Amino acid sequence: MAEIKKTPQERHIGRMALYNRTIIQAISDKLDISNGEALQKFYNSELYIQYSDEDTKVWHFSCKALADMLAYELRHGKLVIPSEV
C-alpha cells in the first residue's frame, strides 16, 4: 500500500487541530474564563489569524506563550509577537 503524502499545509492543519485544545485550556487558565469563552476569544483574535498562517511560524510558540500573547492583545488592543532569542 502506497504511503499518502501530505502537503505542508495539510500537516500544519493537523498540528493545529491537536494543539488547539491545549492552547484553549492555557488561555482559559490564564484569563480565568471558561473554555468556551477562551475558544471564542482565541478564534476572534489577531493572534489566531497569525497562528493559522503557517508562514508566520506563530504556531511554534508554547501554549503558555500563546496564552500570554492573547492576554496582552486583549489588554492592549494589539498583538505583539516576541522575537526569538
C-alpha atoms as a PDB file:
ATOM      1  CA  MET A   1       0.000   0.000   0.000  1.00  0.00           C
ATOM      2  CA  ALA A   2       1.418   3.361  -1.026  1.00  0.00           C
ATOM      3  CA  GLU A   3       2.008   5.972   1.640  1.00  0.00           C
ATOM      4  CA  ILE A   4      -0.184   9.038   1.260  1.00  0.00           C
ATOM      5  CA  LYS A   5       1.960  12.155   1.205  1.00  0.00           C
ATOM      6  CA  LYS A   6       0.564  15.200   2.966  1.00  0.00           C
ATOM      7  CA  THR A   7       1.293  18.706   1.823  1.00  0.00           C
ATOM      8  CA  PRO A   8       2.944  21.096   4.288  1.00  0.00           C
ATOM      9  CA  GLN A   9      -0.409  22.858   4.646  1.00  0.00           C
ATOM     10  CA  GLU A  10      -2.188  19.580   5.497  1.00  0.00           C
ATOM     11  CA  ARG A  11       0.465  18.776   8.110  1.00  0.00           C
ATOM     12  CA  HIS A  12       0.071  22.285   9.573  1.00  0.00           C
ATOM     13  CA  ILE A  13      -3.713  21.908   9.826  1.00  0.00           C
ATOM     14  CA  GLY A  14      -3.250  18.573  11.582  1.00  0.00           C
ATOM     15  CA  ARG A  15      -0.837  20.083  14.117  1.00  0.00           C
ATOM     16  CA  MET A  16      -3.242  22.950  14.767  1.00  0.00           C
ATOM     17  CA  ALA A  17      -6.183  20.624  15.414  1.00  0.00           C
ATOM     18  CA  LEU A  18      -4.230  18.652  18.007  1.00  0.00           C
ATOM     19  CA  TYR A  19      -2.660  21.698  19.609  1.00  0.00           C
ATOM     20  CA  ASN A  20      -5.755  23.916  19.824  1.00  0.00           C
ATOM     21  CA  ARG A  21      -7.321  22.040  22.756  1.00  0.00           C
ATOM     22  CA  THR A  22      -4.209  22.598  24.856  1.00  0.00           C
ATOM     23  CA  ILE A  23      -3.992  26.247  23.809  1.00  0.00           C
ATOM     24  CA  ILE A  24      -7.628  26.843  24.774  1.00  0.00           C
ATOM     25  CA  GLN A  25      -7.004  25.319  28.204  1.00  0.00           C
ATOM     26  CA  ALA A  26      -3.930  27.524  28.699  1.00  0.00           C
ATOM     27  CA  ILE A  27      -5.952  30.618  27.715  1.00  0.00           C
ATOM     28  CA  SER A  28      -8.796  29.581  29.995  1.00  0.00           C
ATOM     29  CA  ASP A  29      -6.378  29.191  32.904  1.00  0.00           C
ATOM     30  CA  LYS A  30      -4.515  32.440  32.147  1.00  0.00           C
ATOM     31  CA  LEU A  31      -7.655  34.574  31.833  1.00  0.00           C
ATOM     32  CA  ASP A  32      -9.700  32.645  34.433  1.00  0.00           C
ATOM     33  CA  ILE A  33     -12.565  32.092  31.978  1.00  0.00           C
ATOM     34  CA  SER A  34     -14.416  29.059  30.644  1.00  0.00           C
ATOM     35  CA  ASN A  35     -13.028  27.012  27.778  1.00  0.00           C
ATOM     36  CA  GLY A  36     -15.919  28.252  25.619  1.00  0.00           C
ATOM     37  CA  GLU A  37     -15.038  31.879  26.308  1.00  0.00           C
ATOM     38  CA  ALA A  38     -11.349  31.128  25.709  1.00  0.00           C
ATOM     39  CA  LEU A  39     -12.193  29.487  22.392  1.00  0.00           C
ATOM     40  CA  GLN A  40     -14.250  32.487  21.300  1.00  0.00           C
ATOM     41  CA  LYS A  41     -11.559  34.991  22.304  1.00  0.00           C
ATOM     42  CA  PHE A  42      -8.830  32.969  20.556  1.00  0.00           C
ATOM     43  CA  TYR A  43     -10.757  32.466  17.309  1.00  0.00           C
ATOM     44  CA  ASN A  44     -11.704  36.161  17.184  1.00  0.00           C
ATOM     45  CA  SER A  45      -8.175  37.437  17.742  1.00  0.00           C
ATOM     46  CA  GLU A  46      -5.353  38.707  15.577  1.00  0.00           C
ATOM     47  CA  LEU A  47      -3.263  36.044  17.301  1.00  0.00           C
ATOM     48  CA  TYR A  48      -5.420  33.324  15.760  1.00  0.00           C
ATOM     49  CA  ILE A  49      -5.085  34.885  12.296  1.00  0.00           C
ATOM     50  CA  GLN A  50      -1.303  34.847  12.657  1.00  0.00           C
ATOM     51  CA  TYR A  51      -1.321  31.383  14.263  1.00  0.00           C
ATOM     52  CA  SER A  52      -3.350  29.989  11.352  1.00  0.00           C
ATOM     53  CA  ASP A  53      -0.827  31.237   8.801  1.00  0.00           C
ATOM     54  CA  GLU A  54       1.951  28.662   8.643  1.00  0.00           C
ATOM     55  CA  ASP A  55       4.370  31.209   7.205  1.00  0.00           C
ATOM     56  CA  THR A  56       4.326  33.323  10.392  1.00  0.00           C
ATOM     57  CA  LYS A  57       5.609  30.389  12.496  1.00  0.00           C
ATOM     58  CA  VAL A  58       3.491  31.645  15.422  1.00  0.00           C
ATOM     59  CA  TRP A  59       2.232  28.069  15.850  1.00  0.00           C
ATOM     60  CA  HIS A  60       5.634  27.014  17.192  1.00  0.00           C
ATOM     61  CA  PHE A  61       5.265  29.037  20.423  1.00  0.00           C
ATOM     62  CA  SER A  62       4.318  27.157  23.571  1.00  0.00           C
ATOM     63  CA  CYS A  63       0.723  27.155  24.786  1.00  0.00           C
ATOM     64  CA  LYS A  64       1.746  29.362  27.715  1.00  0.00           C
ATOM     65  CA  ALA A  65       3.429  31.855  25.386  1.00  0.00           C
ATOM     66  CA  LEU A  66       0.345  31.930  23.137  1.00  0.00           C
ATOM     67  CA  ALA A  67      -1.912  32.488  26.160  1.00  0.00           C
ATOM     68  CA  ASP A  68       0.357  35.331  27.296  1.00  0.00           C
ATOM     69  CA  MET A  69       0.286  36.862  23.799  1.00  0.00           C
ATOM     70  CA  LEU A  70      -3.519  36.713  23.701  1.00  0.00           C
ATOM     71  CA  ALA A  71      -3.813  38.231  27.174  1.00  0.00           C
ATOM     72  CA  TYR A  72      -1.574  41.102  26.027  1.00  0.00           C
ATOM     73  CA  GLU A  73      -3.599  41.542  22.831  1.00  0.00           C
ATOM     74  CA  LEU A  74      -6.867  41.675  24.763  1.00  0.00           C
ATOM     75  CA  ARG A  75      -5.466  44.108  27.339  1.00  0.00           C
ATOM     76  CA  HIS A  76      -3.680  46.462  24.938  1.00  0.00           C
ATOM     77  CA  GLY A  77      -5.614  46.053  21.697  1.00  0.00           C
ATOM     78  CA  LYS A  78      -2.596  44.943  19.693  1.00  0.00           C
ATOM     79  CA  LEU A  79      -0.688  41.743  19.125  1.00  0.00           C
ATOM     80  CA  VAL A  80       2.994  41.612  19.975  1.00  0.00           C
ATOM     81  CA  ILE A  81       4.876  38.560  18.783  1.00  0.00           C
ATOM     82  CA  PRO A  82       8.086  38.019  20.748  1.00  0.00           C
ATOM     83  CA  SER A  83      11.259  37.683  18.727  1.00  0.00           C
ATOM     84  CA  GLU A  84      13.357  34.571  19.160  1.00  0.00           C
ATOM     85  CA  VAL A  85      16.375  34.859  21.392  1.00  0.00           C
END
